[in-house]
């Protein structure tokens, strides 16, 4: 009878040992997962810092582009004023000069040249606008991606 009880106790102890081993394995696995999560958190923080740096650089670049655009617009206004003044001068010369066909031809050539420069300026402005639109679109996409990353 005592042997039977001892065998039962022994079996129960074996079962308890197995459960302890299982719990120790779970603790070990949990610790490994915790270390892995800490590494992933550090990587995520580093990635977030990098994105913040990139965002700051993008904002600075956007400010620089805005400054350049403002300067270009001011330059365009100055050219427009100069063009208007030039046209006024051409009209005044035309009103005052009726001497020869040769002088009228020379003035006509000047007007065509100015017209070509104006078209060139318009094309340049169109190219700048396309660049600004692309940058605005790309910045919007980046901001959306940053928002999504922050939300996650």
Protein backbone atom coordinates (compact mmCIF):
# COMPACT_ATOMS: atom_id res chain seq x y z
CA UNK A 1 0.00 0.00 0.00
CA UNK A 2 2.81 2.39 0.89
CA UNK A 3 4.54 1.57 -2.32
CA UNK A 4 1.44 2.41 -4.25
CA UNK A 5 1.14 5.77 -2.52
CA UNK A 6 4.82 6.40 -3.11
CA UNK A 7 4.40 5.61 -6.79
CA UNK A 8 1.46 7.98 -7.01
CA UNK A 9 3.45 10.69 -5.27
CA UNK A 10 6.34 10.02 -7.62
CA UNK A 11 4.05 10.27 -10.64
CA UNK A 12 2.58 13.48 -9.27
CA UNK A 13 6.09 14.90 -8.75
CA UNK A 14 7.03 14.00 -12.32
CA UNK A 15 3.92 15.75 -13.54
CA UNK A 16 4.74 18.83 -11.44
CA UNK A 17 8.32 18.81 -12.78
CA UNK A 18 7.02 18.70 -16.34
CA UNK A 19 4.75 21.66 -15.64
CA UNK A 20 7.64 23.57 -14.05
CA UNK A 21 9.82 22.82 -17.09
CA UNK A 22 7.03 24.04 -19.33
CA UNK A 23 6.63 27.23 -17.31
CA UNK A 24 10.40 27.82 -17.39
CA UNK A 25 10.34 27.43 -21.18
CA UNK A 26 7.49 29.92 -21.42
CA UNK A 27 9.39 32.40 -19.21
CA UNK A 28 12.50 31.97 -21.36
CA UNK A 29 10.45 32.50 -24.55
CA UNK A 30 8.75 35.55 -23.02
CA UNK A 31 12.14 37.06 -22.11
CA UNK A 32 13.42 36.48 -25.64
CA UNK A 33 10.31 38.08 -27.09
CA UNK A 34 10.74 41.03 -24.74
CA UNK A 35 14.34 41.52 -25.91
CA UNK A 36 13.20 41.30 -29.53
CA UNK A 37 10.48 43.85 -28.90
CA UNK A 38 13.00 46.18 -27.27
CA UNK A 39 15.24 45.92 -30.33
CA UNK A 40 12.28 46.56 -32.61
CA UNK A 41 11.25 49.55 -30.49
CA UNK A 42 14.77 50.97 -30.72
CA UNK A 43 14.73 50.46 -34.50
CA UNK A 44 11.32 52.11 -34.72
CA UNK A 45 12.55 55.07 -32.68
CA UNK A 46 15.60 55.41 -34.90
CA UNK A 47 13.42 55.23 -37.99
CA UNK A 48 11.11 57.87 -36.54
CA UNK A 49 14.09 60.15 -35.86
CA UNK A 50 15.27 59.65 -39.43
CA UNK A 51 11.83 60.46 -40.78
CA UNK A 52 11.69 63.58 -38.61
CA UNK A 53 15.05 64.66 -40.00
CA UNK A 54 13.86 64.00 -43.54
CA UNK A 55 10.66 65.91 -42.86
CA UNK A 56 12.65 68.85 -41.51
CA UNK A 57 14.89 68.77 -44.58
CA UNK A 58 11.84 68.61 -46.85
CA UNK A 59 10.27 71.58 -45.08
CA UNK A 60 13.51 73.56 -45.40
CA UNK A 61 13.70 72.66 -49.09
CA UNK A 62 10.09 73.71 -49.53
CA UNK A 63 10.84 77.05 -47.83
CA UNK A 64 13.83 77.54 -50.12
CA UNK A 65 11.71 76.73 -53.17
CA UNK A 66 9.04 79.16 -51.93
CA UNK A 67 11.70 81.87 -51.60
CA UNK A 68 12.98 81.13 -55.08
CA UNK A 69 9.45 81.18 -56.46
CA UNK A 70 8.81 84.53 -54.79
CA UNK A 71 12.03 85.90 -56.28
CA UNK A 72 11.04 84.56 -59.70
CA UNK A 73 7.62 86.18 -59.43
CA UNK A 74 9.20 89.49 -58.43
CA UNK A 75 11.61 89.18 -61.35
CA UNK A 76 8.66 88.45 -63.64
CA UNK A 77 6.85 91.55 -62.36
CA UNK A 78 9.97 93.61 -63.03
CA UNK A 79 10.24 92.15 -66.53
CA UNK A 80 6.58 92.86 -67.11
CA UNK A 81 7.10 96.45 -66.04
CA UNK A 82 10.16 96.69 -68.25
CA UNK A 83 8.25 95.14 -71.13
CA UNK A 84 5.40 97.61 -70.64
CA UNK A 85 7.87 100.49 -70.58
CA UNK A 86 9.58 99.12 -73.68
CA UNK A 87 6.26 98.86 -75.49
CA UNK A 88 5.45 102.45 -74.52
CA UNK A 89 8.80 103.58 -75.86
CA UNK A 90 8.21 101.66 -79.09
CA UNK A 91 4.79 103.30 -79.51
CA UNK A 92 6.23 106.75 -78.80
CA UNK A 93 9.00 106.18 -81.34
CA UNK A 94 6.48 104.92 -83.88
CA UNK A 95 4.19 107.93 -83.28
CA UNK A 96 7.10 110.37 -83.66
CA UNK A 97 9.01 108.68 -86.44
CA UNK A 98 7.54 108.54 -89.92
CA UNK A 99 10.79 109.07 -91.73
CA UNK A 100 11.60 105.80 -93.41
CA UNK A 101 10.47 102.23 -93.87
CA UNK A 102 13.88 101.04 -92.72
CA UNK A 103 13.45 102.57 -89.27
CA UNK A 104 9.97 101.02 -88.98
CA UNK A 105 11.40 97.61 -89.90
CA UNK A 106 14.08 97.93 -87.19
CA UNK A 107 11.45 98.77 -84.59
CA UNK A 108 9.33 95.84 -85.75
CA UNK A 109 12.26 93.47 -85.30
CA UNK A 110 12.72 94.79 -81.73
CA UNK A 111 9.06 94.15 -80.95
CA UNK A 112 9.28 90.58 -82.31
CA UNK A 113 12.36 89.96 -80.21
CA UNK A 114 10.58 91.16 -77.07
CA UNK A 115 7.60 88.99 -77.92
CA UNK A 116 9.88 85.95 -78.21
CA UNK A 117 11.46 86.74 -74.85
CA UNK A 118 8.00 87.10 -73.30
CA UNK A 119 7.01 83.68 -74.67
CA UNK A 120 10.23 82.24 -73.29
CA UNK A 121 9.45 83.76 -69.88
CA UNK A 122 5.91 82.34 -70.02
CA UNK A 123 7.30 78.88 -70.81
CA UNK A 124 9.78 79.16 -67.93
CA UNK A 125 6.97 80.18 -65.58
CA UNK A 126 4.92 77.23 -66.78
CA UNK A 127 7.85 74.89 -66.08
CA UNK A 128 8.29 76.40 -62.60
CA UNK A 129 4.57 76.00 -61.89
CA UNK A 130 4.74 72.34 -62.92
CA UNK A 131 7.71 71.83 -60.60
CA UNK A 132 5.90 73.52 -57.71
CA UNK A 133 2.77 71.43 -58.36
CA UNK A 134 4.84 68.24 -58.37
CA UNK A 135 6.60 69.27 -55.13
CA UNK A 136 3.26 70.13 -53.52
CA UNK A 137 1.85 66.74 -54.54
CA UNK A 138 4.94 64.88 -53.31
CA UNK A 139 4.89 66.80 -50.01
CA UNK A 140 1.22 65.92 -49.57
CA UNK A 141 2.02 62.27 -50.14
CA UNK A 142 4.88 62.44 -47.62
CA UNK A 143 2.66 64.15 -45.07
CA UNK A 144 0.03 61.44 -45.59
CA UNK A 145 2.61 58.72 -45.13
CA UNK A 146 3.93 60.44 -41.98
CA UNK A 147 0.37 60.75 -40.67
CA UNK A 148 -0.20 57.04 -41.32
CA UNK A 149 3.07 56.12 -39.61
CA UNK A 150 2.25 58.28 -36.59
CA UNK A 151 -1.24 56.81 -36.40
CA UNK A 152 0.10 53.26 -36.48
